[in-house]
Amino acid sequence: MLSLMLMAMLVLQSPTDPDGEPVRLELCSTRATAKLGSYTPWGATLSQDRPDAISDLPLNLNSPLFGQIRWGFNDAAPNISFLVDQAAPGQWRLLIDSNRNQTLADEIAIECVKTTKVRDDGVEDVTYTAEALLPLSQSEAKAQIILRWRGENPTELNYHADYCRQGTITLGSRTFSAILQDASACGDFRGRDDPDHSGISLRLDVNENEAFEHRGEQFDARKPFNIGGITYQIIDMAPDGSQFRVVQSDQVVGEIPPPPDLRPGRIAPSFKSVDIDGHPIAFPDDFRDKIVLLEFGATWCGPCKRAIPELQRMLETYDREHLAILGIALEPSKETDALRKVLVERRITWPHINDGQTWEGSLAQLYCPPGIPWFCLVDGDTQKILASGGLSNIQQIDSAIVDALNR
């Protein structure tokens, strides 16, 4: 809950305060991915060749694979070396040079967790996951990264940051729940000097819906941003993110409105469109006396395909006269051949809208789903949202359907 994040506060004496009181956000050193709702994976090549930066190894290795990750932007030795080793069939361990002393002989082996999933074609996908704590840049504080690879003969692994800083920030007369995110997974909150993105984001709950959206609530920490018509910027960022200041910027940038609040009890945005068969659709006017489930998905989305049987079960189980599903496809093209093929193969019977613009489409921009699949259950009479969420929330949505149909 974001209410637990009220740990630090920035008070600007006025919107034009040139100094800016220091912001101190609390370090969430582990399990931050759940708070953030997403992560950015980075790749590290695995090789049998030991890096020159590693002088000593433990004695009980079998067939180690070595790699390096980027850690810190301005450190003299920006890379941290590691190895993964198969101790026995189906058992892997990780050793990482967390103290950066160029030896792995003094590191404690981290056991890797094995997970197995069976694909639709019956083939097993095996994934190994390890958690490692590394010191933040120029700090004794440690933060967790997640490392993950697939199969028994990996040539690469992916890793991402599982930490952030959190608290509150006051800008002008408003106080926002805030998160400082290191999407670069480099342990240095100063970010990289990149015109596209520094890798460090300040996230503010501008629409106060107890969530952090991408649009209008996520800002590059090295670029100016606009809140309430005033352009701010971050200065004096500590390497470990423990302190920074927010001041009014000399530059002026436009304000990006955040997404609508789509929590239960709010009003769902209305729209008019045409489905892939050319039939006009007016939402919610066409769904009077019904409960309608808006389903945002795509043919290229694996989790969306996994949700289909559950949606089909809902239609088969509940009263079709009072329950409807409307698919909103985030496809990269207006051509519907691929979409129609999936609908036929999967025996999907509910209508679909597709404007061929993926995330830039009008309905994707109207609802701003944080990911796909994403669902919004709406009462067609009152236009009130009854439930919303992704694949992990499907049981809550199912329960909300039952409650609504029983009323």
Protein backbone atom coordinates (compact mmCIF):
# COMPACT_ATOMS: atom_id res chain seq x y z
CA MET A 1 0.00 0.00 0.00
CA LEU A 2 1.23 3.43 -0.85
CA SER A 3 0.05 4.60 2.56
CA LEU A 4 3.08 2.77 3.94
CA MET A 5 5.33 4.91 1.81
CA LEU A 6 4.94 8.10 3.81
CA MET A 7 8.55 8.14 4.97
CA ALA A 8 10.16 11.26 3.56
CA MET A 9 9.00 14.68 2.46
CA LEU A 10 10.24 17.53 0.34
CA VAL A 11 8.81 20.94 1.25
CA LEU A 12 9.33 23.72 -1.26
CA GLN A 13 8.81 27.07 0.43
CA SER A 14 7.05 28.20 -2.75
CA PRO A 15 6.85 26.99 -6.34
CA THR A 16 9.75 29.29 -7.16
CA ASP A 17 11.94 28.27 -4.22
CA PRO A 18 15.47 28.39 -5.74
CA ASP A 19 17.02 26.21 -3.05
CA GLY A 20 14.68 23.27 -2.52
CA GLU A 21 14.83 21.36 0.73
CA PRO A 22 16.62 18.00 0.50
CA VAL A 23 14.45 15.03 -0.42
CA ARG A 24 15.29 11.86 1.50
CA LEU A 25 13.48 8.76 0.33
CA GLU A 26 13.67 5.46 2.18
CA LEU A 27 15.55 2.60 0.54
CA CYS A 28 13.45 -0.44 -0.33
CA SER A 29 16.38 -2.81 -0.85
CA THR A 30 14.40 -5.89 -1.94
CA ARG A 31 11.05 -6.92 -3.42
CA ALA A 32 10.55 -3.58 -5.17
CA THR A 33 9.37 -5.11 -8.44
CA ALA A 34 5.92 -5.70 -6.95
CA LYS A 35 5.68 -2.01 -6.01
CA LEU A 36 6.85 -0.86 -9.43
CA GLY A 37 4.61 -3.19 -11.41
CA SER A 38 7.27 -3.73 -14.09
CA TYR A 39 11.01 -3.95 -14.63
CA THR A 40 13.58 -3.46 -17.36
CA PRO A 41 15.68 -6.56 -18.12
CA TRP A 42 19.34 -6.28 -19.09
CA GLY A 43 21.44 -8.98 -20.71
CA ALA A 44 24.81 -10.43 -19.73
CA THR A 45 26.70 -12.84 -21.99
CA LEU A 46 27.91 -16.09 -20.43
CA SER A 47 31.25 -17.59 -21.43
CA GLN A 48 33.68 -20.28 -20.30
CA ASP A 49 36.45 -17.65 -20.39
CA ARG A 50 37.27 -16.21 -16.97
CA PRO A 51 37.39 -12.39 -16.93
CA ASP A 52 40.79 -10.81 -16.31
CA ALA A 53 39.21 -8.97 -13.37
CA ILE A 54 38.85 -12.24 -11.42
CA SER A 55 42.07 -13.57 -9.88
CA ASP A 56 40.85 -16.42 -7.66
CA LEU A 57 38.09 -19.00 -7.82
CA PRO A 58 36.69 -21.51 -5.33
CA LEU A 59 37.97 -25.06 -5.73
CA ASN A 60 34.74 -27.02 -6.01
CA LEU A 61 33.53 -25.78 -9.40
CA ASN A 62 32.25 -28.06 -12.14
CA SER A 63 31.66 -26.17 -15.40
CA PRO A 64 31.48 -22.48 -14.52
CA LEU A 65 30.15 -19.89 -16.94
CA PHE A 66 31.38 -16.33 -16.42
CA GLY A 67 29.80 -12.96 -17.04
CA GLN A 68 29.84 -9.30 -16.06
CA ILE A 69 27.17 -6.71 -15.30
CA ARG A 70 27.47 -2.95 -15.42
CA TRP A 71 27.39 -1.54 -11.89
CA GLY A 72 27.92 2.19 -11.37
CA PHE A 73 28.34 4.91 -13.98
CA ASN A 74 31.36 6.80 -12.70
CA ASP A 75 33.29 4.15 -10.80
CA ALA A 76 36.85 3.27 -11.77
CA ALA A 77 35.79 -0.37 -12.25
CA PRO A 78 32.20 -0.18 -13.49
CA ASN A 79 31.74 -3.93 -14.03
CA ILE A 80 31.03 -6.65 -11.47
CA SER A 81 32.01 -10.21 -12.39
CA PHE A 82 30.06 -13.33 -11.56
CA LEU A 83 29.81 -16.99 -12.43
CA VAL A 84 27.05 -19.57 -12.59
CA ASP A 85 27.91 -23.21 -12.07
CA GLN A 86 25.89 -26.40 -12.35
CA ALA A 87 26.60 -28.20 -9.10
CA ALA A 88 24.45 -31.18 -10.16
CA PRO A 89 21.78 -31.84 -12.80
CA GLY A 90 19.02 -29.29 -12.23
CA GLN A 91 21.01 -27.51 -9.49
CA TRP A 92 22.76 -24.22 -10.25
CA ARG A 93 24.56 -21.75 -8.01
CA LEU A 94 25.69 -18.16 -8.45
CA LEU A 95 28.83 -16.48 -7.15
CA ILE A 96 29.12 -12.73 -7.65
CA ASP A 97 31.96 -10.38 -6.69
CA SER A 98 29.76 -8.31 -4.40
CA ASN A 99 32.68 -6.74 -2.52
CA ARG A 100 34.53 -5.98 -5.78
CA ASN A 101 37.84 -7.40 -4.58
CA GLN A 102 38.43 -9.29 -7.84
CA THR A 103 38.05 -12.75 -6.35
CA LEU A 104 35.14 -15.16 -6.13
CA ALA A 105 36.90 -17.48 -3.68
CA ASP A 106 35.54 -15.55 -0.68
CA GLU A 107 31.95 -15.29 -1.94
CA ILE A 108 29.11 -17.43 -0.56
CA ALA A 109 27.36 -19.43 -3.27
CA ILE A 110 23.77 -18.38 -3.91
CA GLU A 111 21.44 -21.27 -4.68
CA CYS A 112 19.27 -20.73 -7.76
CA VAL A 113 15.55 -21.49 -7.77
CA LYS A 114 14.35 -23.74 -10.56
CA THR A 115 10.89 -23.30 -12.08
CA THR A 116 9.36 -25.43 -14.81
CA LYS A 117 6.45 -24.50 -17.05
CA VAL A 118 4.86 -26.63 -19.75
CA ARG A 119 4.17 -24.77 -22.99
CA ASP A 120 1.11 -25.28 -25.14
CA ASP A 121 3.11 -27.68 -27.35
CA GLY A 122 4.00 -29.82 -24.33
CA VAL A 123 7.65 -28.75 -24.16
CA GLU A 124 9.01 -27.88 -20.72
CA ASP A 125 10.55 -24.45 -20.20
CA VAL A 126 13.07 -24.46 -17.35
CA THR A 127 14.11 -21.18 -15.73
CA TYR A 128 16.65 -20.51 -12.98
CA THR A 129 16.45 -17.44 -10.75
CA ALA A 130 18.93 -16.03 -8.24
CA GLU A 131 18.83 -13.01 -5.92
CA ALA A 132 22.00 -11.07 -5.11
CA LEU A 133 22.69 -8.05 -2.88
CA LEU A 134 25.15 -5.48 -4.20
CA PRO A 135 26.38 -2.20 -2.63
CA LEU A 136 24.92 0.98 -4.10
CA SER A 137 27.37 3.43 -5.62
CA GLN A 138 29.57 5.15 -3.03
CA SER A 139 27.49 3.67 -0.22
CA GLU A 140 27.43 0.83 2.27
CA ALA A 141 23.74 0.29 1.62
CA LYS A 142 22.99 -2.85 -0.39
CA ALA A 143 20.25 -3.46 -2.93
CA GLN A 144 18.97 -6.59 -4.62
CA ILE A 145 19.14 -7.58 -8.25
CA ILE A 146 17.38 -10.56 -9.81
CA LEU A 147 19.30 -12.74 -12.27
CA ARG A 148 17.47 -15.23 -14.47
CA TRP A 149 18.28 -17.60 -17.33
CA ARG A 150 16.59 -20.38 -19.23
CA GLY A 151 17.69 -23.94 -19.86
CA GLU A 152 20.63 -26.10 -18.87
CA ASN A 153 23.04 -24.67 -21.46
CA PRO A 154 22.64 -20.91 -21.20
CA THR A 155 24.67 -18.45 -23.25
CA GLU A 156 23.10 -15.36 -21.69
CA LEU A 157 21.19 -14.34 -18.58
CA ASN A 158 18.93 -11.39 -17.86
CA TYR A 159 19.02 -9.30 -14.71
CA HIS A 160 17.01 -6.40 -13.32
CA ALA A 161 16.86 -4.13 -10.30
CA ASP A 162 14.61 -5.27 -7.45
CA TYR A 163 15.07 -2.12 -5.36
CA CYS A 164 13.90 1.48 -5.28
CA ARG A 165 13.58 4.45 -2.96
CA GLN A 166 10.14 5.48 -1.76
CA GLY A 167 8.40 8.14 0.28
CA THR A 168 6.55 11.38 -0.41
CA ILE A 169 7.38 14.61 -2.20
CA THR A 170 5.59 17.93 -1.76
CA LEU A 171 5.46 20.24 -4.77
CA GLY A 172 3.70 23.51 -4.15
CA SER A 173 0.59 22.73 -2.12
CA ARG A 174 0.34 19.04 -3.05
CA THR A 175 2.06 16.01 -1.56
CA PHE A 176 2.58 12.95 -3.74
CA SER A 177 3.55 9.37 -3.03
CA ALA A 178 6.88 8.95 -4.77
CA ILE A 179 9.27 6.28 -5.99
CA LEU A 180 12.80 6.74 -7.31
CA GLN A 181 13.52 3.86 -9.68
CA ASP A 182 16.84 2.63 -11.08
CA ALA A 183 15.62 0.92 -14.25
CA SER A 184 19.22 0.77 -15.49
CA ALA A 185 20.06 -1.69 -12.67
CA CYS A 186 23.42 -0.01 -12.18
CA GLY A 187 23.22 0.91 -8.50
CA ASP A 188 23.89 4.59 -9.27
CA PHE A 189 20.93 6.98 -9.09
CA ARG A 190 22.78 9.78 -10.87
CA GLY A 191 21.89 8.04 -14.12
CA ARG A 192 23.70 7.93 -17.40
CA ASP A 193 24.22 10.94 -19.66
CA ASP A 194 21.89 9.76 -22.42
CA PRO A 195 19.60 12.07 -24.43
CA ASP A 196 16.95 9.36 -24.64
CA HIS A 197 16.75 8.33 -20.99
CA SER A 198 19.07 8.37 -18.01
CA GLY A 199 17.78 5.05 -16.70
CA ILE A 200 16.57 6.73 -13.49
CA SER A 201 12.89 7.62 -13.07
CA LEU A 202 10.99 9.67 -10.55
CA ARG A 203 7.45 8.30 -10.26
CA LEU A 204 4.68 10.35 -8.66
CA ASP A 205 1.08 9.31 -7.96
CA VAL A 206 -0.33 12.46 -9.56
CA ASN A 207 -3.90 11.18 -9.93
CA GLU A 208 -3.83 9.75 -6.38
CA ASN A 209 -5.13 6.31 -7.36
CA GLU A 210 -2.53 4.48 -5.27
CA ALA A 211 -0.66 3.34 -8.37
CA PHE A 212 2.19 4.62 -10.50
CA GLU A 213 1.22 4.97 -14.15
CA HIS A 214 3.60 5.39 -17.06
CA ARG A 215 1.86 8.36 -18.66
CA GLY A 216 2.06 11.61 -16.73
CA GLU A 217 3.47 9.98 -13.58
CA GLN A 218 6.91 8.76 -14.64
CA PHE A 219 9.69 11.26 -15.32
CA ASP A 220 13.34 10.98 -16.33
CA ALA A 221 15.27 12.11 -13.26
CA ARG A 222 17.74 14.06 -15.42
CA LYS A 223 15.12 15.96 -17.40
CA PRO A 224 12.67 18.74 -16.42
CA PHE A 225 9.05 17.75 -15.76
CA ASN A 226 5.81 19.66 -15.32
CA ILE A 227 3.39 19.21 -12.42
CA GLY A 228 0.45 21.59 -12.03
CA GLY A 229 1.73 23.93 -14.73
CA ILE A 230 5.15 24.41 -13.09
CA THR A 231 8.35 22.91 -14.55
CA TYR A 232 10.69 21.31 -12.02
CA GLN A 233 14.02 19.57 -12.20
CA ILE A 234 16.10 17.35 -9.92
CA ILE A 235 19.56 18.47 -8.84
CA ASP A 236 22.29 17.29 -6.46
CA MET A 237 21.39 13.61 -6.73
CA ALA A 238 23.46 11.47 -4.35
CA PRO A 239 25.03 8.42 -6.06
CA ASP A 240 23.01 6.05 -3.89
CA GLY A 241 19.83 8.12 -4.28
CA SER A 242 19.69 8.84 -0.55
CA GLN A 243 19.24 12.58 -1.11
CA PHE A 244 18.44 15.05 -3.87
CA ARG A 245 16.68 18.36 -4.36
CA VAL A 246 13.79 19.45 -6.57
CA VAL A 247 13.81 23.05 -7.79
CA GLN A 248 11.92 25.07 -10.36
CA SER A 249 13.58 24.72 -13.74
CA ASP A 250 14.68 27.51 -16.07
CA GLN A 251 13.26 25.40 -18.89
CA VAL A 252 9.59 25.02 -19.66
CA VAL A 253 8.02 21.70 -20.69
CA GLY A 254 4.40 20.80 -21.15
CA GLU A 255 2.40 18.91 -18.57
CA ILE A 256 1.38 15.37 -19.49
CA PRO A 257 -1.98 14.45 -17.94
CA PRO A 258 -2.00 11.15 -16.03
CA PRO A 259 -4.34 8.30 -16.96
CA PRO A 260 -7.90 8.19 -15.62
CA ASP A 261 -8.53 6.64 -12.22
CA LEU A 262 -9.92 3.21 -13.07
CA ARG A 263 -10.37 1.79 -9.60
CA PRO A 264 -13.69 0.17 -8.63
CA GLY A 265 -16.45 2.72 -8.14
CA ARG A 266 -15.06 5.18 -10.68
CA ILE A 267 -16.73 5.94 -14.02
CA ALA A 268 -15.32 4.14 -17.06
CA PRO A 269 -14.55 6.40 -20.04
CA SER A 270 -17.14 6.08 -22.80
CA PHE A 271 -16.21 5.63 -26.46
CA LYS A 272 -17.51 4.85 -29.93
CA SER A 273 -15.70 2.58 -32.37
CA VAL A 274 -16.14 -0.15 -34.98
CA ASP A 275 -15.27 -3.83 -34.53
CA ILE A 276 -13.20 -5.82 -37.04
CA ASP A 277 -16.40 -6.93 -38.81
CA GLY A 278 -17.50 -3.35 -39.39
CA HIS A 279 -20.18 -3.26 -36.72
CA PRO A 280 -20.43 0.06 -34.82
CA ILE A 281 -19.95 -0.13 -31.06
CA ALA A 282 -20.99 2.53 -28.55
CA PHE A 283 -19.73 1.93 -25.04
CA PRO A 284 -21.51 1.69 -22.66
CA ASP A 285 -24.77 2.50 -24.50
CA ASP A 286 -24.78 -0.83 -26.36
CA PHE A 287 -24.43 -2.77 -23.13
CA ARG A 288 -27.49 -1.72 -21.12
CA ASP A 289 -28.73 -4.41 -18.73
CA LYS A 290 -25.33 -6.10 -18.99
CA ILE A 291 -22.07 -6.44 -17.16
CA VAL A 292 -19.30 -5.92 -19.72
CA LEU A 293 -15.67 -6.96 -19.45
CA LEU A 294 -13.26 -4.88 -21.52
CA GLU A 295 -10.33 -7.09 -22.47
CA PHE A 296 -7.12 -5.39 -23.64
CA GLY A 297 -4.79 -7.89 -25.34
CA ALA A 298 -2.85 -8.81 -28.46
CA THR A 299 -2.02 -11.85 -30.57
CA TRP A 300 1.70 -11.35 -29.84
CA CYS A 301 1.13 -11.47 -26.06
CA GLY A 302 1.74 -14.86 -24.39
CA PRO A 303 -0.06 -14.03 -21.11
CA CYS A 304 -3.06 -12.83 -23.14
CA LYS A 305 -3.34 -16.28 -24.69
CA ARG A 306 -3.16 -17.88 -21.25
CA ALA A 307 -6.14 -15.78 -20.16
CA ILE A 308 -8.42 -16.94 -22.99
CA PRO A 309 -9.62 -20.22 -21.36
CA GLU A 310 -10.63 -18.32 -18.23
CA LEU A 311 -12.62 -15.80 -20.27
CA GLN A 312 -14.31 -18.60 -22.20
CA ARG A 313 -15.20 -20.30 -18.92
CA MET A 314 -16.85 -17.10 -17.73
CA LEU A 315 -19.08 -16.90 -20.80
CA GLU A 316 -19.97 -20.58 -20.54
CA THR A 317 -20.67 -20.41 -16.81
CA TYR A 318 -22.57 -17.16 -16.44
CA ASP A 319 -25.69 -15.73 -18.02
CA ARG A 320 -24.73 -14.54 -21.51
CA GLU A 321 -27.78 -12.30 -21.60
CA HIS A 322 -26.27 -10.24 -18.81
CA LEU A 323 -22.51 -10.72 -19.35
CA ALA A 324 -20.55 -9.51 -22.38
CA ILE A 325 -16.87 -9.38 -23.27
CA LEU A 326 -15.45 -6.76 -25.63
CA GLY A 327 -11.92 -7.31 -26.88
CA ILE A 328 -9.64 -4.35 -27.60
CA ALA A 329 -6.68 -5.61 -29.63
CA LEU A 330 -3.36 -3.79 -29.49
CA GLU A 331 -2.15 -5.01 -32.86
CA PRO A 332 0.62 -3.34 -34.88
CA SER A 333 -1.46 -3.29 -38.07
CA LYS A 334 -5.04 -2.71 -39.14
CA GLU A 335 -4.76 -5.91 -41.15
CA THR A 336 -6.89 -8.39 -39.25
CA ASP A 337 -5.73 -11.69 -40.80
CA ALA A 338 -3.50 -12.66 -37.86
CA LEU A 339 -6.13 -11.57 -35.34
CA ARG A 340 -8.93 -13.44 -37.12
CA LYS A 341 -6.76 -16.56 -37.30
CA VAL A 342 -6.23 -16.53 -33.53
CA LEU A 343 -9.93 -15.91 -32.91
CA VAL A 344 -10.84 -18.93 -35.02
CA GLU A 345 -8.12 -21.21 -33.65
CA ARG A 346 -8.93 -20.34 -30.05
CA ARG A 347 -12.71 -20.37 -30.63
CA ILE A 348 -13.08 -16.82 -29.38
CA THR A 349 -16.59 -15.57 -30.02
CA TRP A 350 -16.71 -12.08 -28.51
CA PRO A 351 -16.25 -8.97 -30.71
CA HIS A 352 -12.89 -7.22 -31.08
CA ILE A 353 -11.85 -3.67 -31.88
CA ASN A 354 -8.49 -3.08 -33.58
CA ASP A 355 -7.18 0.26 -34.84
CA GLY A 356 -3.71 -1.10 -35.67
CA GLN A 357 -1.78 1.34 -33.49
CA THR A 358 -0.87 -0.89 -30.51
CA TRP A 359 -0.24 1.33 -27.46
CA GLU A 360 -0.79 4.52 -29.45
CA GLY A 361 -4.35 3.56 -30.37
CA SER A 362 -7.22 5.77 -29.24
CA LEU A 363 -8.63 3.27 -26.73
CA ALA A 364 -5.20 2.35 -25.37
CA GLN A 365 -4.57 6.05 -24.82
CA LEU A 366 -8.04 6.51 -23.30
CA TYR A 367 -7.68 3.72 -20.73
CA CYS A 368 -3.87 3.49 -20.47
CA PRO A 369 -3.65 -0.16 -19.38
CA PRO A 370 -0.40 -0.69 -17.44
CA GLY A 371 0.21 -3.90 -19.38
CA ILE A 372 -1.63 -6.69 -21.17
CA PRO A 373 -3.72 -8.60 -20.69
CA TRP A 374 -5.68 -6.03 -18.72
CA PHE A 375 -9.36 -6.14 -17.85
CA CYS A 376 -11.97 -3.59 -16.81
CA LEU A 377 -15.35 -4.87 -15.60
CA VAL A 378 -18.09 -2.26 -16.01
CA ASP A 379 -21.77 -2.03 -15.16
CA GLY A 380 -23.40 -1.15 -18.48
CA ASP A 381 -26.23 0.75 -16.77
CA THR A 382 -24.30 2.91 -14.31
CA GLN A 383 -20.96 2.97 -16.19
CA LYS A 384 -19.28 2.28 -12.86
CA ILE A 385 -16.14 0.14 -12.75
CA LEU A 386 -16.69 -3.04 -10.75
CA ALA A 387 -13.15 -4.44 -10.95
CA SER A 388 -9.97 -4.01 -12.96
CA GLY A 389 -6.56 -5.60 -13.23
CA GLY A 390 -4.31 -7.99 -15.10
CA LEU A 391 -4.01 -11.74 -15.33
CA SER A 392 -3.07 -12.02 -11.65
CA ASN A 393 -6.39 -10.34 -10.75
CA ILE A 394 -8.60 -12.65 -12.79
CA GLN A 395 -10.08 -14.37 -9.73
CA GLN A 396 -11.09 -11.04 -8.19
CA ILE A 397 -12.71 -10.07 -11.49
CA ASP A 398 -14.54 -13.40 -11.56
CA SER A 399 -15.84 -12.79 -8.05
CA ALA A 400 -16.99 -9.30 -9.04
CA ILE A 401 -18.95 -10.80 -11.95
CA VAL A 402 -20.70 -13.21 -9.60
CA ASP A 403 -21.55 -10.41 -7.16
CA ALA A 404 -22.90 -8.18 -9.94
CA LEU A 405 -25.04 -10.88 -11.53
CA ASN A 406 -26.50 -11.87 -8.16
CA ARG A 407 -27.65 -8.36 -7.34
